[in-house]
Amino acid sequence: MDEPVATPREPDTTPVLLRHSPFNIGFFAALGALLAVFLSEQLLSISSVLVLLVLAMFLAIGLNPTVEWFMAKGTRRGVAVVLVLFVVISVMVLFGVAVAPVISDQITLITQNSPGWLQDLERNATVQKLDERFGVIERAQDYVSNGDFGQRVFGGALGVGLAVLSAVANAFIVIVLMIYFLASLPSIKEAGFRLAPASKRARVRDLGDRIIRSTGAYVSGAVLVSIFAGVSTLIFTFVVGLGDYAFALAFIVGLLSLIPVVGAVVSGIIITALALTISPTIAIVTGIYYLLYQQIESYVILPRIMKRSVDIPGSVTVIAALLGGSLMGIIGALLAVPVAAAVLLLHREVFLKRQDAR
């Protein structure tokens, strides 16, 4: 009778060092954990630089559609970049000459009048009842009227100077990086696409271009929302009797509206508090107006504009902005919507299609 043939055993592919030694397993696990902690600490130490890089790239991608528009008219990319920068700088200069002095004067006026507004509030019957219970007005008046207010907020004159110097330096770095990224965006994209396998490179290039286009469209949409918020605030403040501060408030609201969802809430609180110094009735009207406007902007204007620009549902826009703001503050709120759009695009074009093909 034939003897049974022994089935050959599959070779053991486990590394030799880990095959029979629990000590080695623990050693390499601990080494990996220490390496992960070290790399995390290094990443946190350069997080501020990474934020500047991401912000500069974000702005460059936002201006890229305008550059491509000039290129479609037959202009070379270098010339198109110069033209776009010229337009941006011209708008900033015109704004500085025509509107910035008015805004500066109005902000100075707000600062000078704030102690008097607190005194007016203290004489209001309704506010007096609240102040008797909580003592808020007295504390706020002492805080604002105190000569050390600026020092306590900014850490003294040296702190103010360092804060301004840091802001100017960061802005300069972002502008320089933005110009570089804007001029060399095609080569940067191509270098990134070449990291993908040749068989999938065309697909990666298509998805990457679509993500970049949607990000540029998002920036355009955010600017439209900001302009709409600023103009509506300018009109409303003139109507309710805040015309002395209309341009300053419109400028502040326009900037804050670049932050989805959160910006409208903060704007409403600021202007309602200022309206309270005139009369409780105007403050109530202002509060109701901005409560309604915040709902309209967050759930009607912003989702409609963003759906046309980045093609994501309105609910995702709101959720992404809230999550981004809670994780990374203002920068996170600004970047959350295009990141969500990119994730949804990859979900539709990669994951769902792969699932459908099974």
Protein backbone atom coordinates (compact mmCIF):
# COMPACT_ATOMS: atom_id res chain seq x y z
CA MET A 1 0.00 0.00 0.00
CA ASP A 2 1.28 3.43 -0.91
CA GLU A 3 2.45 5.60 1.93
CA PRO A 4 0.64 9.00 2.31
CA VAL A 5 2.55 11.90 0.86
CA ALA A 6 3.38 14.56 3.43
CA THR A 7 2.04 18.03 2.59
CA PRO A 8 4.86 20.58 2.51
CA ARG A 9 4.61 23.18 5.25
CA GLU A 10 4.43 26.84 4.28
CA PRO A 11 7.52 28.79 5.24
CA ASP A 12 7.26 30.93 8.36
CA THR A 13 7.51 34.57 7.30
CA THR A 14 7.68 35.97 10.83
CA PRO A 15 10.89 37.97 11.43
CA VAL A 16 13.51 35.93 13.25
CA LEU A 17 13.90 38.45 16.08
CA LEU A 18 10.19 38.35 16.88
CA ARG A 19 9.58 34.65 16.39
CA HIS A 20 10.41 33.25 19.82
CA SER A 21 11.21 36.24 22.05
CA PRO A 22 8.53 38.17 24.00
CA PHE A 23 11.31 40.50 25.15
CA ASN A 24 12.02 41.55 21.56
CA ILE A 25 8.33 42.11 20.92
CA GLY A 26 8.05 44.40 23.95
CA PHE A 27 11.30 46.19 23.12
CA PHE A 28 10.31 47.03 19.55
CA ALA A 29 6.77 48.00 20.61
CA ALA A 30 8.17 50.42 23.21
CA LEU A 31 10.67 51.76 20.68
CA GLY A 32 7.86 52.39 18.20
CA ALA A 33 5.78 54.17 20.85
CA LEU A 34 8.71 56.41 21.82
CA LEU A 35 9.35 57.22 18.18
CA ALA A 36 5.68 58.12 17.69
CA VAL A 37 5.75 60.43 20.73
CA PHE A 38 8.97 62.08 19.52
CA LEU A 39 7.59 62.68 16.03
CA SER A 40 4.35 64.06 17.49
CA GLU A 41 6.27 66.55 19.64
CA GLN A 42 8.35 67.65 16.65
CA LEU A 43 5.21 68.11 14.59
CA LEU A 44 3.63 70.24 17.31
CA SER A 45 6.79 72.36 17.55
CA ILE A 46 6.51 73.33 13.86
CA SER A 47 2.72 73.56 13.82
CA SER A 48 2.78 77.37 13.48
CA VAL A 49 4.97 77.11 10.39
CA LEU A 50 2.72 74.43 8.93
CA VAL A 51 -0.31 76.67 9.48
CA LEU A 52 1.38 79.49 7.53
CA LEU A 53 2.23 77.08 4.70
CA VAL A 54 -1.32 75.73 4.53
CA LEU A 55 -2.80 79.25 4.64
CA ALA A 56 -0.48 80.45 1.86
CA MET A 57 -1.35 77.45 -0.32
CA PHE A 58 -5.05 77.98 0.42
CA LEU A 59 -4.86 81.61 -0.73
CA ALA A 60 -2.84 80.65 -3.81
CA ILE A 61 -5.45 78.05 -4.80
CA GLY A 62 -8.15 80.66 -4.19
CA LEU A 63 -6.50 83.10 -6.62
CA ASN A 64 -5.67 80.38 -9.15
CA PRO A 65 -9.06 80.55 -10.98
CA THR A 66 -8.42 84.22 -11.74
CA VAL A 67 -4.93 83.38 -13.02
CA GLU A 68 -6.38 80.66 -15.23
CA TRP A 69 -8.98 83.12 -16.53
CA PHE A 70 -6.18 85.41 -17.73
CA MET A 71 -4.37 82.40 -19.20
CA ALA A 72 -7.50 81.45 -21.14
CA LYS A 73 -7.27 84.88 -22.78
CA GLY A 74 -3.80 83.99 -24.09
CA THR A 75 -1.65 85.38 -21.26
CA ARG A 76 1.36 83.43 -20.00
CA ARG A 77 1.12 82.21 -16.42
CA GLY A 78 3.90 84.47 -15.11
CA VAL A 79 2.24 87.54 -16.60
CA ALA A 80 -1.16 86.37 -15.36
CA VAL A 81 0.19 86.04 -11.80
CA VAL A 82 1.60 89.57 -11.98
CA LEU A 83 -1.74 90.90 -13.26
CA VAL A 84 -3.68 89.19 -10.46
CA LEU A 85 -1.29 90.49 -7.81
CA PHE A 86 -1.54 93.97 -9.35
CA VAL A 87 -5.34 93.84 -9.13
CA VAL A 88 -5.26 92.59 -5.53
CA ILE A 89 -2.73 95.21 -4.44
CA SER A 90 -4.66 97.96 -6.26
CA VAL A 91 -7.88 97.02 -4.47
CA MET A 92 -6.05 97.01 -1.13
CA VAL A 93 -4.50 100.42 -1.83
CA LEU A 94 -7.84 101.91 -2.91
CA PHE A 95 -9.45 100.48 0.19
CA GLY A 96 -6.68 101.91 2.35
CA VAL A 97 -7.00 105.37 0.80
CA ALA A 98 -10.78 105.60 0.62
CA VAL A 99 -12.20 103.55 3.48
CA ALA A 100 -9.45 102.67 5.96
CA PRO A 101 -9.17 106.22 7.45
CA VAL A 102 -12.93 106.27 8.07
CA ILE A 103 -12.80 102.83 9.68
CA SER A 104 -9.81 103.85 11.80
CA ASP A 105 -11.57 107.01 12.99
CA GLN A 106 -14.73 105.09 13.81
CA ILE A 107 -12.85 102.40 15.72
CA THR A 108 -11.05 105.14 17.68
CA LEU A 109 -14.41 106.76 18.39
CA ILE A 110 -15.80 103.44 19.61
CA THR A 111 -12.82 103.04 21.95
CA GLN A 112 -13.14 106.57 23.32
CA ASN A 113 -16.90 106.34 23.86
CA SER A 114 -16.99 102.89 25.45
CA PRO A 115 -16.69 104.14 29.09
CA GLY A 116 -19.53 106.61 28.49
CA TRP A 117 -21.69 103.89 26.99
CA LEU A 118 -21.23 101.86 30.15
CA GLN A 119 -22.39 104.84 32.20
CA ASP A 120 -25.47 105.21 29.97
CA LEU A 121 -26.21 101.53 30.42
CA GLU A 122 -25.87 101.90 34.17
CA ARG A 123 -28.63 104.55 34.17
CA ASN A 124 -30.99 102.29 32.22
CA ALA A 125 -33.74 100.89 34.51
CA THR A 126 -33.65 97.39 33.05
CA VAL A 127 -29.89 97.22 33.16
CA GLN A 128 -29.88 98.53 36.73
CA LYS A 129 -31.99 95.59 37.84
CA LEU A 130 -29.58 93.19 36.19
CA ASP A 131 -26.59 95.05 37.60
CA GLU A 132 -28.00 94.86 41.14
CA ARG A 133 -28.02 91.08 40.84
CA PHE A 134 -24.75 90.49 39.01
CA GLY A 135 -22.68 93.70 39.23
CA VAL A 136 -21.58 93.36 35.62
CA ILE A 137 -21.61 97.05 34.66
CA GLU A 138 -19.38 98.14 37.52
CA ARG A 139 -16.82 95.48 36.75
CA ALA A 140 -16.85 96.24 33.04
CA GLN A 141 -16.55 99.99 33.65
CA ASP A 142 -13.59 99.54 35.97
CA TYR A 143 -11.97 97.20 33.47
CA VAL A 144 -12.39 99.51 30.46
CA SER A 145 -11.69 102.79 32.27
CA ASN A 146 -8.54 101.50 33.95
CA GLY A 147 -5.38 102.77 32.30
CA ASP A 148 -3.91 99.28 32.46
CA PHE A 149 -6.61 97.90 30.15
CA GLY A 150 -4.30 97.64 27.16
CA GLN A 151 -1.51 96.18 29.25
CA ARG A 152 -3.74 93.51 30.72
CA VAL A 153 -5.11 92.58 27.32
CA PHE A 154 -1.87 92.61 25.37
CA GLY A 155 0.72 92.15 28.09
CA GLY A 156 1.97 95.73 28.19
CA ALA A 157 3.54 97.98 25.57
CA LEU A 158 6.19 95.42 24.79
CA GLY A 159 3.50 92.79 24.33
CA VAL A 160 1.59 95.05 21.94
CA GLY A 161 4.72 95.72 19.91
CA LEU A 162 5.64 92.05 19.75
CA ALA A 163 2.10 91.09 18.77
CA VAL A 164 2.03 93.66 15.96
CA LEU A 165 5.52 92.69 14.80
CA SER A 166 4.60 88.99 14.81
CA ALA A 167 1.40 89.65 12.85
CA VAL A 168 3.26 91.73 10.24
CA ALA A 169 6.00 89.12 9.92
CA ASN A 170 3.50 86.28 9.54
CA ALA A 171 1.51 88.26 6.97
CA PHE A 172 4.69 88.95 4.99
CA ILE A 173 5.66 85.27 5.09
CA VAL A 174 2.19 84.20 3.95
CA ILE A 175 2.21 86.71 1.07
CA VAL A 176 5.66 85.64 -0.13
CA LEU A 177 4.73 81.96 0.06
CA MET A 178 1.41 82.63 -1.65
CA ILE A 179 3.16 84.33 -4.59
CA TYR A 180 5.58 81.42 -4.90
CA PHE A 181 2.82 78.80 -4.71
CA LEU A 182 0.66 80.73 -7.17
CA ALA A 183 3.47 81.04 -9.72
CA SER A 184 4.61 77.42 -9.43
CA LEU A 185 1.27 75.71 -8.78
CA PRO A 186 1.35 73.58 -11.99
CA SER A 187 4.81 72.19 -11.19
CA ILE A 188 3.81 71.57 -7.56
CA LYS A 189 0.73 69.67 -8.71
CA GLU A 190 2.72 67.63 -11.22
CA ALA A 191 5.31 66.72 -8.59
CA GLY A 192 2.54 65.51 -6.32
CA PHE A 193 0.78 63.56 -9.07
CA ARG A 194 4.00 61.74 -9.98
CA LEU A 195 4.02 60.13 -6.55
CA ALA A 196 1.07 58.01 -7.68
CA PRO A 197 1.66 54.79 -9.68
CA ALA A 198 1.79 55.33 -13.44
CA SER A 199 -1.28 53.14 -13.96
CA LYS A 200 -3.37 55.37 -11.68
CA ARG A 201 -1.70 58.71 -12.35
CA ALA A 202 -4.34 59.98 -14.78
CA ARG A 203 -7.10 59.25 -12.27
CA VAL A 204 -5.19 60.92 -9.44
CA ARG A 205 -4.52 63.95 -11.65
CA ASP A 206 -8.23 64.26 -12.48
CA LEU A 207 -9.29 64.06 -8.83
CA GLY A 208 -6.55 66.46 -7.74
CA ASP A 209 -7.52 69.05 -10.34
CA ARG A 210 -11.16 68.82 -9.31
CA ILE A 211 -10.27 69.31 -5.63
CA ILE A 212 -8.14 72.35 -6.46
CA ARG A 213 -10.89 73.85 -8.62
CA SER A 214 -13.48 73.33 -5.88
CA THR A 215 -11.19 74.99 -3.32
CA GLY A 216 -10.73 78.00 -5.58
CA ALA A 217 -14.48 78.20 -6.07
CA TYR A 218 -14.98 78.02 -2.31
CA VAL A 219 -12.72 81.03 -1.76
CA SER A 220 -14.74 82.99 -4.33
CA GLY A 221 -17.96 81.95 -2.59
CA ALA A 222 -16.62 82.96 0.82
CA VAL A 223 -15.69 86.40 -0.52
CA LEU A 224 -19.23 86.82 -1.92
CA VAL A 225 -20.73 85.93 1.48
CA SER A 226 -18.37 88.40 3.16
CA ILE A 227 -19.30 91.22 0.77
CA PHE A 228 -23.02 90.50 1.22
CA ALA A 229 -22.68 90.54 5.01
CA GLY A 230 -20.69 93.78 4.99
CA VAL A 231 -23.08 95.62 2.66
CA SER A 232 -26.18 94.46 4.56
CA THR A 233 -24.59 95.58 7.85
CA LEU A 234 -23.70 98.96 6.35
CA ILE A 235 -27.32 99.53 5.31
CA PHE A 236 -28.79 98.25 8.58
CA THR A 237 -26.54 100.36 10.82
CA PHE A 238 -27.49 103.52 8.93
CA VAL A 239 -31.18 102.64 9.26
CA VAL A 240 -31.15 102.02 13.04
CA GLY A 241 -29.02 105.04 13.92
CA LEU A 242 -25.52 103.57 14.14
CA GLY A 243 -24.30 105.51 11.12
CA ASP A 244 -21.35 107.00 13.02
CA TYR A 245 -19.84 103.52 13.18
CA ALA A 246 -21.37 102.01 10.04
CA PHE A 247 -18.19 101.53 7.98
CA ALA A 248 -16.19 100.14 10.90
CA LEU A 249 -18.95 97.69 11.82
CA ALA A 250 -19.46 96.66 8.19
CA PHE A 251 -15.72 96.01 7.87
CA ILE A 252 -15.65 93.92 11.05
CA VAL A 253 -18.73 91.93 10.03
CA GLY A 254 -17.31 91.34 6.55
CA LEU A 255 -14.09 89.92 7.98
CA LEU A 256 -15.89 87.76 10.53
CA SER A 257 -18.23 86.42 7.85
CA LEU A 258 -15.26 84.73 6.22
CA ILE A 259 -15.59 82.30 9.14
CA PRO A 260 -18.60 80.11 8.34
CA VAL A 261 -21.45 80.03 10.90
CA VAL A 262 -19.38 81.33 13.84
CA GLY A 263 -18.61 84.69 12.23
CA ALA A 264 -22.27 85.68 11.92
CA VAL A 265 -22.91 84.88 15.60
CA VAL A 266 -19.95 86.94 16.85
CA SER A 267 -20.92 89.83 14.56
CA GLY A 268 -24.45 89.87 15.93
CA ILE A 269 -23.22 89.93 19.53
CA ILE A 270 -20.85 92.85 18.87
CA ILE A 271 -23.39 95.05 17.09
CA THR A 272 -26.22 94.23 19.51
CA ALA A 273 -24.00 95.23 22.45
CA LEU A 274 -23.17 98.49 20.70
CA ALA A 275 -26.86 99.16 19.91
CA LEU A 276 -27.68 98.67 23.59
CA THR A 277 -25.76 101.88 24.34
CA ILE A 278 -28.30 103.83 22.28
CA SER A 279 -31.53 102.27 23.51
CA PRO A 280 -32.88 98.88 24.56
CA THR A 281 -35.41 99.04 21.72
CA ILE A 282 -32.72 99.42 19.06
CA ALA A 283 -30.73 96.66 20.75
CA ILE A 284 -33.73 94.32 20.62
CA VAL A 285 -34.32 95.17 16.95
CA THR A 286 -30.62 94.63 16.21
CA GLY A 287 -30.57 91.33 18.08
CA ILE A 288 -33.63 90.06 16.22
CA TYR A 289 -32.18 91.20 12.88
CA TYR A 290 -28.87 89.43 13.40
CA LEU A 291 -30.55 86.35 14.80
CA LEU A 292 -32.59 86.13 11.60
CA TYR A 293 -29.61 87.04 9.43
CA GLN A 294 -27.46 84.39 11.09
CA GLN A 295 -30.08 81.76 10.30
CA ILE A 296 -30.45 82.98 6.72
CA GLU A 297 -26.69 83.13 6.13
CA SER A 298 -25.94 79.79 7.77
CA TYR A 299 -28.80 77.78 6.30
CA VAL A 300 -29.75 79.61 3.07
CA ILE A 301 -27.04 81.89 1.64
CA LEU A 302 -23.93 79.94 2.65
CA PRO A 303 -25.22 76.47 1.68
CA ARG A 304 -26.52 77.71 -1.68
CA ILE A 305 -23.29 79.46 -2.60
CA MET A 306 -21.14 76.61 -1.33
CA LYS A 307 -23.25 73.99 -3.08
CA ARG A 308 -22.65 75.76 -6.38
CA SER A 309 -18.95 76.22 -5.71
CA VAL A 310 -17.89 73.07 -3.86
CA ASP A 311 -20.96 70.84 -4.42
CA ILE A 312 -21.58 69.68 -0.86
CA PRO A 313 -24.87 69.55 1.09
CA GLY A 314 -25.71 72.56 3.25
CA SER A 315 -25.80 70.48 6.43
CA VAL A 316 -22.26 69.24 5.76
CA THR A 317 -21.13 72.85 5.31
CA VAL A 318 -22.45 73.82 8.74
CA ILE A 319 -21.12 70.70 10.50
CA ALA A 320 -17.69 71.01 8.87
CA ALA A 321 -17.38 74.67 9.88
CA LEU A 322 -18.31 73.91 13.49
CA LEU A 323 -15.92 70.96 13.73
CA GLY A 324 -13.07 72.83 12.04
CA GLY A 325 -13.52 75.83 14.30
CA SER A 326 -13.56 73.71 17.45
CA LEU A 327 -10.42 71.81 16.39
CA MET A 328 -8.22 74.56 14.91
CA GLY A 329 -9.95 77.86 15.59
CA ILE A 330 -10.31 80.42 12.80
CA ILE A 331 -7.94 78.63 10.43
CA GLY A 332 -9.81 75.37 10.96
CA ALA A 333 -13.16 77.02 10.24
CA LEU A 334 -11.78 78.53 7.03
CA LEU A 335 -10.31 75.25 5.79
CA ALA A 336 -13.08 72.94 6.99
CA VAL A 337 -15.46 73.36 4.04
CA PRO A 338 -12.94 72.71 1.22
CA VAL A 339 -11.54 69.76 3.20
CA ALA A 340 -15.06 68.37 3.57
CA ALA A 341 -15.63 68.88 -0.15
CA ALA A 342 -12.43 66.97 -0.96
CA VAL A 343 -13.40 64.10 1.36
CA LEU A 344 -16.87 63.87 -0.20
CA LEU A 345 -15.38 63.90 -3.69
CA LEU A 346 -13.02 61.05 -2.84
CA HIS A 347 -15.89 59.20 -1.18
CA ARG A 348 -18.05 59.45 -4.29
CA GLU A 349 -15.38 58.86 -6.91
CA VAL A 350 -13.23 56.25 -5.16
CA PHE A 351 -14.95 54.44 -2.32
CA LEU A 352 -18.49 54.23 -3.72
CA LYS A 353 -17.32 53.27 -7.21
CA ARG A 354 -15.08 50.58 -5.74
CA GLN A 355 -18.01 49.26 -3.72
CA ASP A 356 -20.29 49.29 -6.78
CA ALA A 357 -17.73 47.34 -8.79
CA ARG A 358 -17.69 44.43 -6.31
